[in-house]
Amino acid sequence: MEVEVYDESGKEYTIDGDFSLRSCLIYDTEKRTVAEIKRKVDMSTNVMLGRDVFTLEIKPGFDGAFAMGLVLVLDQINGDDPVEIGDEQVHPFVED
């Protein structure tokens, strides 16, 4: 995914990876990693935690609020998988 910032800076970022697996790298225009999204691992048991438990590692100088905004956009784009109840699939955001 390409992200363009529409302000005086004209910065662009590339997001590479698979957000559904919570495994993404965010690069700046010079292809330097500025942030990383990855699943969290319980170090005491060496077990990978659930899909919704992840870390966002931000390099010094990169705006943390902007990085979290990118995560929220990726989450909205990716959406949640439907939940199966019996023979029926129910999307968690669908209201009756």
PDB file of N, CA and C in Angstrom:
ATOM      1  N   MET A   1       0.845  -1.159   0.000  1.00  0.00           N
ATOM      2  CA  MET A   1       0.000   0.000   0.000  1.00  0.00           C
ATOM      3  C   MET A   1       0.897   1.231   0.000  1.00  0.00           C
ATOM      4  N   GLU A   2       0.530   2.216  -0.781  1.00  0.00           N
ATOM      5  CA  GLU A   2       1.248   3.482  -0.827  1.00  0.00           C
ATOM      6  C   GLU A   2       0.445   4.523  -0.059  1.00  0.00           C
ATOM      7  N   VAL A   3       1.123   5.328   0.753  1.00  0.00           N
ATOM      8  CA  VAL A   3       0.479   6.387   1.534  1.00  0.00           C
ATOM      9  C   VAL A   3       1.149   7.701   1.154  1.00  0.00           C
ATOM     10  N   GLU A   4       0.359   8.674   0.707  1.00  0.00           N
ATOM     11  CA  GLU A   4       0.884   9.993   0.379  1.00  0.00           C
ATOM     12  C   GLU A   4       0.341  10.996   1.385  1.00  0.00           C
ATOM     13  N   VAL A   5       1.233  11.840   1.906  1.00  0.00           N
ATOM     14  CA  VAL A   5       0.843  12.872   2.858  1.00  0.00           C
ATOM     15  C   VAL A   5       0.649  14.165   2.077  1.00  0.00           C
ATOM     16  N   TYR A   6      -0.550  14.721   2.135  1.00  0.00           N
ATOM     17  CA  TYR A   6      -0.856  15.932   1.391  1.00  0.00           C
ATOM     18  C   TYR A   6      -0.674  17.156   2.273  1.00  0.00           C
ATOM     19  N   ASP A   7       0.567  17.540   2.465  1.00  0.00           N
ATOM     20  CA  ASP A   7       0.911  18.787   3.131  1.00  0.00           C
ATOM     21  C   ASP A   7       2.183  19.312   2.477  1.00  0.00           C
ATOM     22  N   GLU A   8       2.807  20.284   3.082  1.00  0.00           N
ATOM     23  CA  GLU A   8       3.999  20.877   2.492  1.00  0.00           C
ATOM     24  C   GLU A   8       5.152  19.883   2.365  1.00  0.00           C
ATOM     25  N   SER A   9       5.166  18.841   3.226  1.00  0.00           N
ATOM     26  CA  SER A   9       6.284  17.899   3.221  1.00  0.00           C
ATOM     27  C   SER A   9       6.284  16.996   1.990  1.00  0.00           C
ATOM     28  N   GLY A  10       5.102  16.627   1.501  1.00  0.00           N
ATOM     29  CA  GLY A  10       5.001  15.757   0.343  1.00  0.00           C
ATOM     30  C   GLY A  10       5.567  14.370   0.573  1.00  0.00           C
ATOM     31  N   LYS A  11       5.607  13.916   1.819  1.00  0.00           N
ATOM     32  CA  LYS A  11       6.190  12.614   2.141  1.00  0.00           C
ATOM     33  C   LYS A  11       5.302  11.479   1.641  1.00  0.00           C
ATOM     34  N   GLU A  12       5.954  10.369   1.354  1.00  0.00           N
ATOM     35  CA  GLU A  12       5.251   9.162   0.942  1.00  0.00           C
ATOM     36  C   GLU A  12       5.787   7.989   1.750  1.00  0.00           C
ATOM     37  N   TYR A  13       4.911   7.045   2.026  1.00  0.00           N
ATOM     38  CA  TYR A  13       5.285   5.855   2.788  1.00  0.00           C
ATOM     39  C   TYR A  13       4.749   4.627   2.062  1.00  0.00           C
ATOM     40  N   THR A  14       5.433   3.518   2.251  1.00  0.00           N
ATOM     41  CA  THR A  14       5.001   2.242   1.701  1.00  0.00           C
ATOM     42  C   THR A  14       4.770   1.292   2.860  1.00  0.00           C
ATOM     43  N   ILE A  15       3.627   0.611   2.840  1.00  0.00           N
ATOM     44  CA  ILE A  15       3.329  -0.400   3.850  1.00  0.00           C
ATOM     45  C   ILE A  15       3.391  -1.747   3.145  1.00  0.00           C
ATOM     46  N   ASP A  16       4.261  -2.606   3.632  1.00  0.00           N
ATOM     47  CA  ASP A  16       4.490  -3.898   2.998  1.00  0.00           C
ATOM     48  C   ASP A  16       4.238  -5.000   4.018  1.00  0.00           C
ATOM     49  N   GLY A  17       3.539  -6.040   3.621  1.00  0.00           N
ATOM     50  CA  GLY A  17       3.273  -7.161   4.513  1.00  0.00           C
ATOM     51  C   GLY A  17       1.815  -7.560   4.480  1.00  0.00           C
ATOM     52  N   ASP A  18       1.388  -8.255   5.516  1.00  0.00           N
ATOM     53  CA  ASP A  18       0.018  -8.756   5.604  1.00  0.00           C
ATOM     54  C   ASP A  18      -0.572  -8.337   6.942  1.00  0.00           C
ATOM     55  N   PHE A  19      -1.426  -7.297   6.916  1.00  0.00           N
ATOM     56  CA  PHE A  19      -1.998  -6.802   8.170  1.00  0.00           C
ATOM     57  C   PHE A  19      -2.901  -7.829   8.830  1.00  0.00           C
ATOM     58  N   SER A  20      -3.557  -8.691   8.054  1.00  0.00           N
ATOM     59  CA  SER A  20      -4.431  -9.701   8.665  1.00  0.00           C
ATOM     60  C   SER A  20      -3.630 -10.642   9.558  1.00  0.00           C
ATOM     61  N   LEU A  21      -2.324 -10.781   9.265  1.00  0.00           N
ATOM     62  CA  LEU A  21      -1.431 -11.581  10.115  1.00  0.00           C
ATOM     63  C   LEU A  21      -0.668 -10.710  11.098  1.00  0.00           C
ATOM     64  N   ARG A  22      -0.950  -9.407  11.074  1.00  0.00           N
ATOM     65  CA  ARG A  22      -0.263  -8.419  11.912  1.00  0.00           C
ATOM     66  C   ARG A  22       1.248  -8.499  11.702  1.00  0.00           C
ATOM     67  N   SER A  23       1.633  -8.447  10.449  1.00  0.00           N
ATOM     68  CA  SER A  23       3.037  -8.522  10.066  1.00  0.00           C
ATOM     69  C   SER A  23       3.277  -7.533   8.935  1.00  0.00           C
ATOM     70  N   CYS A  24       3.645  -6.288   9.285  1.00  0.00           N
ATOM     71  CA  CYS A  24       3.845  -5.245   8.285  1.00  0.00           C
ATOM     72  C   CYS A  24       5.056  -4.392   8.634  1.00  0.00           C
ATOM     73  N   LEU A  25       5.685  -3.882   7.587  1.00  0.00           N
ATOM     74  CA  LEU A  25       6.746  -2.898   7.727  1.00  0.00           C
ATOM     75  C   LEU A  25       6.291  -1.626   7.029  1.00  0.00           C
ATOM     76  N   ILE A  26       6.605  -0.482   7.626  1.00  0.00           N
ATOM     77  CA  ILE A  26       6.299   0.814   7.036  1.00  0.00           C
ATOM     78  C   ILE A  26       7.629   1.466   6.677  1.00  0.00           C
ATOM     79  N   TYR A  27       7.777   1.811   5.383  1.00  0.00           N
ATOM     80  CA  TYR A  27       9.016   2.395   4.868  1.00  0.00           C
ATOM     81  C   TYR A  27       8.780   3.846   4.460  1.00  0.00           C
ATOM     82  N   ASP A  28       9.837   4.659   4.572  1.00  0.00           N
ATOM     83  CA  ASP A  28       9.772   6.015   4.042  1.00  0.00           C
ATOM     84  C   ASP A  28      10.220   6.004   2.583  1.00  0.00           C
ATOM     85  N   THR A  29      10.337   7.186   1.977  1.00  0.00           N
ATOM     86  CA  THR A  29      10.680   7.248   0.554  1.00  0.00           C
ATOM     87  C   THR A  29      12.088   6.733   0.257  1.00  0.00           C
ATOM     88  N   GLU A  30      12.970   6.733   1.260  1.00  0.00           N
ATOM     89  CA  GLU A  30      14.322   6.203   1.078  1.00  0.00           C
ATOM     90  C   GLU A  30      14.397   4.708   1.396  1.00  0.00           C
ATOM     91  N   LYS A  31      13.235   4.069   1.562  1.00  0.00           N
ATOM     92  CA  LYS A  31      13.130   2.633   1.870  1.00  0.00           C
ATOM     93  C   LYS A  31      13.737   2.273   3.229  1.00  0.00           C
ATOM     94  N   ARG A  32      13.737   3.248   4.147  1.00  0.00           N
ATOM     95  CA  ARG A  32      14.154   2.972   5.527  1.00  0.00           C
ATOM     96  C   ARG A  32      12.918   2.567   6.327  1.00  0.00           C
ATOM     97  N   THR A  33      13.066   1.543   7.156  1.00  0.00           N
ATOM     98  CA  THR A  33      11.950   1.116   7.997  1.00  0.00           C
ATOM     99  C   THR A  33      11.717   2.170   9.077  1.00  0.00           C
ATOM    100  N   VAL A  34      10.484   2.701   9.142  1.00  0.00           N
ATOM    101  CA  VAL A  34      10.156   3.699  10.159  1.00  0.00           C
ATOM    102  C   VAL A  34       9.236   3.132  11.229  1.00  0.00           C
ATOM    103  N   ALA A  35       8.557   2.016  10.932  1.00  0.00           N
ATOM    104  CA  ALA A  35       7.679   1.385  11.913  1.00  0.00           C
ATOM    105  C   ALA A  35       7.445  -0.072  11.514  1.00  0.00           C
ATOM    106  N   GLU A  36       7.085  -0.876  12.518  1.00  0.00           N
ATOM    107  CA  GLU A  36       6.810  -2.291  12.270  1.00  0.00           C
ATOM    108  C   GLU A  36       5.632  -2.736  13.118  1.00  0.00           C
ATOM    109  N   ILE A  37       4.737  -3.483  12.487  1.00  0.00           N
ATOM    110  CA  ILE A  37       3.595  -4.089  13.178  1.00  0.00           C
ATOM    111  C   ILE A  37       3.866  -5.585  13.221  1.00  0.00           C
ATOM    112  N   LYS A  38       3.802  -6.160  14.421  1.00  0.00           N
ATOM    113  CA  LYS A  38       4.002  -7.611  14.513  1.00  0.00           C
ATOM    114  C   LYS A  38       3.231  -8.175  15.705  1.00  0.00           C
ATOM    115  N   ARG A  39       2.880  -9.443  15.585  1.00  0.00           N
ATOM    116  CA  ARG A  39       2.136 -10.107  16.654  1.00  0.00           C
ATOM    117  C   ARG A  39       2.998 -10.206  17.896  1.00  0.00           C
ATOM    118  N   LYS A  40       2.355 -10.107  19.028  1.00  0.00           N
ATOM    119  CA  LYS A  40       3.060 -10.146  20.302  1.00  0.00           C
ATOM    120  C   LYS A  40       3.231 -11.592  20.760  1.00  0.00           C
ATOM    121  N   VAL A  41       4.374 -11.874  21.347  1.00  0.00           N
ATOM    122  CA  VAL A  41       4.689 -13.207  21.843  1.00  0.00           C
ATOM    123  C   VAL A  41       4.869 -13.123  23.350  1.00  0.00           C
ATOM    124  N   ASP A  42       4.220 -14.031  24.082  1.00  0.00           N
ATOM    125  CA  ASP A  42       4.408 -14.129  25.525  1.00  0.00           C
ATOM    126  C   ASP A  42       5.777 -14.757  25.763  1.00  0.00           C
ATOM    127  N   MET A  43       6.721 -13.954  26.241  1.00  0.00           N
ATOM    128  CA  MET A  43       8.095 -14.420  26.383  1.00  0.00           C
ATOM    129  C   MET A  43       8.245 -15.523  27.438  1.00  0.00           C
ATOM    130  N   SER A  44       7.365 -15.570  28.433  1.00  0.00           N
ATOM    131  CA  SER A  44       7.490 -16.596  29.474  1.00  0.00           C
ATOM    132  C   SER A  44       7.110 -17.982  28.964  1.00  0.00           C
ATOM    133  N   THR A  45       6.171 -18.045  28.006  1.00  0.00           N
ATOM    134  CA  THR A  45       5.736 -19.340  27.473  1.00  0.00           C
ATOM    135  C   THR A  45       6.134 -19.528  26.009  1.00  0.00           C
ATOM    136  N   ASN A  46       6.680 -18.462  25.398  1.00  0.00           N
ATOM    137  CA  ASN A  46       7.060 -18.477  23.992  1.00  0.00           C
ATOM    138  C   ASN A  46       5.865 -18.814  23.084  1.00  0.00           C
ATOM    139  N   VAL A  47       4.688 -18.281  23.457  1.00  0.00           N
ATOM    140  CA  VAL A  47       3.455 -18.518  22.709  1.00  0.00           C
ATOM    141  C   VAL A  47       3.024 -17.207  22.057  1.00  0.00           C
ATOM    142  N   MET A  48       2.664 -17.278  20.766  1.00  0.00           N
ATOM    143  CA  MET A  48       2.162 -16.111  20.071  1.00  0.00           C
ATOM    144  C   MET A  48       0.740 -15.839  20.547  1.00  0.00           C
ATOM    145  N   LEU A  49       0.484 -14.601  20.948  1.00  0.00           N
ATOM    146  CA  LEU A  49      -0.839 -14.232  21.455  1.00  0.00           C
ATOM    147  C   LEU A  49      -1.818 -14.029  20.307  1.00  0.00           C
ATOM    148  N   GLY A  50      -3.068 -13.746  20.631  1.00  0.00           N
ATOM    149  CA  GLY A  50      -4.129 -13.623  19.638  1.00  0.00           C
ATOM    150  C   GLY A  50      -3.848 -12.578  18.580  1.00  0.00           C
ATOM    151  N   ARG A  51      -4.592 -12.649  17.501  1.00  0.00           N
ATOM    152  CA  ARG A  51      -4.405 -11.766  16.354  1.00  0.00           C
ATOM    153  C   ARG A  51      -4.565 -10.299  16.723  1.00  0.00           C
ATOM    154  N   ASP A  52      -5.412 -10.003  17.697  1.00  0.00           N
ATOM    155  CA  ASP A  52      -5.646  -8.615  18.076  1.00  0.00           C
ATOM    156  C   ASP A  52      -4.647  -8.099  19.101  1.00  0.00           C
ATOM    157  N   VAL A  53      -3.668  -8.926  19.461  1.00  0.00           N
ATOM    158  CA  VAL A  53      -2.621  -8.497  20.388  1.00  0.00           C
ATOM    159  C   VAL A  53      -1.341  -8.377  19.576  1.00  0.00           C
ATOM    160  N   PHE A  54      -0.947  -7.138  19.315  1.00  0.00           N
ATOM    161  CA  PHE A  54       0.224  -6.915  18.480  1.00  0.00           C
ATOM    162  C   PHE A  54       1.013  -5.729  19.012  1.00  0.00           C
ATOM    163  N   THR A  55       2.215  -5.568  18.495  1.00  0.00           N
ATOM    164  CA  THR A  55       3.048  -4.434  18.881  1.00  0.00           C
ATOM    165  C   THR A  55       3.237  -3.524  17.677  1.00  0.00           C
ATOM    166  N   LEU A  56       3.432  -2.251  17.958  1.00  0.00           N
ATOM    167  CA  LEU A  56       3.759  -1.262  16.946  1.00  0.00           C
ATOM    168  C   LEU A  56       5.078  -0.645  17.378  1.00  0.00           C
ATOM    169  N   GLU A  57       6.138  -1.015  16.705  1.00  0.00           N
ATOM    170  CA  GLU A  57       7.461  -0.485  17.019  1.00  0.00           C
ATOM    171  C   GLU A  57       7.740   0.686  16.089  1.00  0.00           C
ATOM    172  N   ILE A  58       8.096   1.827  16.677  1.00  0.00           N
ATOM    173  CA  ILE A  58       8.292   3.058  15.916  1.00  0.00           C
ATOM    174  C   ILE A  58       9.738   3.511  16.071  1.00  0.00           C
ATOM    175  N   LYS A  59      10.373   3.821  14.953  1.00  0.00           N
ATOM    176  CA  LYS A  59      11.754   4.303  14.973  1.00  0.00           C
ATOM    177  C   LYS A  59      11.780   5.751  15.473  1.00  0.00           C
ATOM    178  N   PRO A  60      12.862   6.161  16.131  1.00  0.00           N
ATOM    179  CA  PRO A  60      12.973   7.549  16.601  1.00  0.00           C
ATOM    180  C   PRO A  60      12.785   8.545  15.458  1.00  0.00           C
ATOM    181  N   GLY A  61      12.003   9.579  15.730  1.00  0.00           N
ATOM    182  CA  GLY A  61      11.755  10.615  14.737  1.00  0.00           C
ATOM    183  C   GLY A  61      10.491  10.414  13.927  1.00  0.00           C
ATOM    184  N   PHE A  62       9.902   9.217  13.976  1.00  0.00           N
ATOM    185  CA  PHE A  62       8.657   8.977  13.241  1.00  0.00           C
ATOM    186  C   PHE A  62       7.488   9.275  14.173  1.00  0.00           C
ATOM    187  N   ASP A  63       6.479   9.929  13.661  1.00  0.00           N
ATOM    188  CA  ASP A  63       5.325  10.365  14.447  1.00  0.00           C
ATOM    189  C   ASP A  63       4.481   9.165  14.886  1.00  0.00           C
ATOM    190  N   GLY A  64       4.427   8.925  16.195  1.00  0.00           N
ATOM    191  CA  GLY A  64       3.677   7.792  16.740  1.00  0.00           C
ATOM    192  C   GLY A  64       2.187   7.881  16.481  1.00  0.00           C
ATOM    193  N   ALA A  65       1.626   9.089  16.555  1.00  0.00           N
ATOM    194  CA  ALA A  65       0.193   9.261  16.307  1.00  0.00           C
ATOM    195  C   ALA A  65      -0.130   8.952  14.842  1.00  0.00           C
ATOM    196  N   PHE A  66       0.744   9.369  13.932  1.00  0.00           N
ATOM    197  CA  PHE A  66       0.549   9.071  12.512  1.00  0.00           C
ATOM    198  C   PHE A  66       0.636   7.564  12.273  1.00  0.00           C
ATOM    199  N   ALA A  67       1.611   6.902  12.919  1.00  0.00           N
ATOM    200  CA  ALA A  67       1.761   5.450  12.782  1.00  0.00           C
ATOM    201  C   ALA A  67       0.513   4.730  13.282  1.00  0.00           C
ATOM    202  N   MET A  68      -0.014   5.163  14.417  1.00  0.00           N
ATOM    203  CA  MET A  68      -1.230   4.526  14.950  1.00  0.00           C
ATOM    204  C   MET A  68      -2.417   4.798  14.032  1.00  0.00           C
ATOM    205  N   GLY A  69      -2.460   5.972  13.430  1.00  0.00           N
ATOM    206  CA  GLY A  69      -3.507   6.270  12.448  1.00  0.00           C
ATOM    207  C   GLY A  69      -3.451   5.322  11.266  1.00  0.00           C
ATOM    208  N   LEU A  70      -2.231   4.998  10.811  1.00  0.00           N
ATOM    209  CA  LEU A  70      -2.088   4.028   9.724  1.00  0.00           C
ATOM    210  C   LEU A  70      -2.601   2.660  10.146  1.00  0.00           C
ATOM    211  N   VAL A  71      -2.328   2.276  11.394  1.00  0.00           N
ATOM    212  CA  VAL A  71      -2.825   0.989  11.907  1.00  0.00           C
ATOM    213  C   VAL A  71      -4.351   0.978  11.893  1.00  0.00           C
ATOM    214  N   LEU A  72      -4.966   2.069  12.325  1.00  0.00           N
ATOM    215  CA  LEU A  72      -6.432   2.134  12.344  1.00  0.00           C
ATOM    216  C   LEU A  72      -7.014   2.049  10.933  1.00  0.00           C
ATOM    217  N   VAL A  73      -6.370   2.707   9.973  1.00  0.00           N
ATOM    218  CA  VAL A  73      -6.839   2.623   8.584  1.00  0.00           C
ATOM    219  C   VAL A  73      -6.690   1.197   8.057  1.00  0.00           C
ATOM    220  N   LEU A  74      -5.551   0.569   8.329  1.00  0.00           N
ATOM    221  CA  LEU A  74      -5.356  -0.817   7.899  1.00  0.00           C
ATOM    222  C   LEU A  74      -6.408  -1.733   8.525  1.00  0.00           C
ATOM    223  N   ASP A  75      -6.742  -1.491   9.782  1.00  0.00           N
ATOM    224  CA  ASP A  75      -7.752  -2.303  10.460  1.00  0.00           C
ATOM    225  C   ASP A  75      -9.111  -2.138   9.794  1.00  0.00           C
ATOM    226  N   GLN A  76      -9.453  -0.916   9.402  1.00  0.00           N
ATOM    227  CA  GLN A  76     -10.732  -0.680   8.731  1.00  0.00           C
ATOM    228  C   GLN A  76     -10.756  -1.305   7.342  1.00  0.00           C
ATOM    229  N   ILE A  77      -9.639  -1.230   6.637  1.00  0.00           N
ATOM    230  CA  ILE A  77      -9.564  -1.831   5.300  1.00  0.00           C
ATOM    231  C   ILE A  77      -9.657  -3.345   5.396  1.00  0.00           C
ATOM    232  N   ASN A  78      -8.921  -3.913   6.358  1.00  0.00           N
ATOM    233  CA  ASN A  78      -8.857  -5.362   6.499  1.00  0.00           C
ATOM    234  C   ASN A  78     -10.169  -5.932   7.020  1.00  0.00           C
ATOM    235  N   GLY A  79     -10.816  -5.232   7.952  1.00  0.00           N
ATOM    236  CA  GLY A  79     -12.061  -5.710   8.543  1.00  0.00           C
ATOM    237  C   GLY A  79     -11.850  -6.959   9.368  1.00  0.00           C
ATOM    238  N   ASP A  80     -12.900  -7.406  10.015  1.00  0.00           N
ATOM    239  CA  ASP A  80     -12.851  -8.637  10.796  1.00  0.00           C
ATOM    240  C   ASP A  80     -13.430  -9.780   9.989  1.00  0.00           C
ATOM    241  N   ASP A  81     -12.940 -10.964  10.248  1.00  0.00           N
ATOM    242  CA  ASP A  81     -13.485 -12.144   9.600  1.00  0.00           C
ATOM    243  C   ASP A  81     -14.867 -12.440  10.163  1.00  0.00           C
ATOM    244  N   PRO A  82     -15.784 -12.934   9.335  1.00  0.00           N
ATOM    245  CA  PRO A  82     -17.099 -13.301   9.842  1.00  0.00           C
ATOM    246  C   PRO A  82     -17.004 -14.448  10.853  1.00  0.00           C
ATOM    247  N   VAL A  83     -17.914 -14.452  11.803  1.00  0.00           N
ATOM    248  CA  VAL A  83     -17.971 -15.491  12.819  1.00  0.00           C
ATOM    249  C   VAL A  83     -19.032 -16.498  12.397  1.00  0.00           C
ATOM    250  N   GLU A  84     -18.712 -17.783  12.493  1.00  0.00           N
ATOM    251  CA  GLU A  84     -19.691 -18.804  12.129  1.00  0.00           C
ATOM    252  C   GLU A  84     -20.502 -19.196  13.354  1.00  0.00           C
ATOM    253  N   ILE A  85     -21.826 -19.118  13.221  1.00  0.00           N
ATOM    254  CA  ILE A  85     -22.750 -19.556  14.268  1.00  0.00           C
ATOM    255  C   ILE A  85     -23.650 -20.582  13.615  1.00  0.00           C
ATOM    256  N   GLY A  86     -23.430 -21.835  13.963  1.00  0.00           N
ATOM    257  CA  GLY A  86     -24.162 -22.912  13.299  1.00  0.00           C
ATOM    258  C   GLY A  86     -23.744 -22.964  11.848  1.00  0.00           C
ATOM    259  N   ASP A  87     -24.726 -22.901  10.941  1.00  0.00           N
ATOM    260  CA  ASP A  87     -24.445 -22.917   9.502  1.00  0.00           C
ATOM    261  C   ASP A  87     -24.393 -21.506   8.920  1.00  0.00           C
ATOM    262  N   GLU A  88     -24.507 -20.497   9.789  1.00  0.00           N
ATOM    263  CA  GLU A  88     -24.627 -19.124   9.327  1.00  0.00           C
ATOM    264  C   GLU A  88     -23.374 -18.324   9.681  1.00  0.00           C
ATOM    265  N   GLN A  89     -22.921 -17.481   8.751  1.00  0.00           N
ATOM    266  CA  GLN A  89     -21.807 -16.589   9.032  1.00  0.00           C
ATOM    267  C   GLN A  89     -22.358 -15.236   9.445  1.00  0.00           C
ATOM    268  N   VAL A  90     -21.847 -14.715  10.552  1.00  0.00           N
ATOM    269  CA  VAL A  90     -22.316 -13.436  11.072  1.00  0.00           C
ATOM    270  C   VAL A  90     -21.113 -12.512  11.178  1.00  0.00           C
ATOM    271  N   HIS A  91     -21.215 -11.346  10.552  1.00  0.00           N
ATOM    272  CA  HIS A  91     -20.146 -10.362  10.640  1.00  0.00           C
ATOM    273  C   HIS A  91     -20.310  -9.612  11.965  1.00  0.00           C
ATOM    274  N   PRO A  92     -19.211  -9.426  12.717  1.00  0.00           N
ATOM    275  CA  PRO A  92     -19.323  -8.807  14.037  1.00  0.00           C
ATOM    276  C   PRO A  92     -19.848  -7.389  14.031  1.00  0.00           C
ATOM    277  N   PHE A  93     -19.825  -6.668  12.874  1.00  0.00           N
ATOM    278  CA  PHE A  93     -20.299  -5.304  12.853  1.00  0.00           C
ATOM    279  C   PHE A  93     -21.714  -5.169  12.299  1.00  0.00           C
ATOM    280  N   VAL A  94     -22.302  -6.269  11.891  1.00  0.00           N
ATOM    281  CA  VAL A  94     -23.650  -6.221  11.331  1.00  0.00           C
ATOM    282  C   VAL A  94     -24.656  -6.289  12.467  1.00  0.00           C
ATOM    283  N   GLU A  95     -25.553  -5.294  12.482  1.00  0.00           N
ATOM    284  CA  GLU A  95     -26.596  -5.266  13.512  1.00  0.00           C
ATOM    285  C   GLU A  95     -27.923  -5.674  12.889  1.00  0.00           C
ATOM    286  N   ASP A  96     -28.730  -6.362  13.668  1.00  0.00           N
ATOM    287  CA  ASP A  96     -30.067  -6.747  13.188  1.00  0.00           C
ATOM    288  C   ASP A  96     -31.022  -5.593  13.254  1.00  0.00           C
TER     289      ASP A  96
END
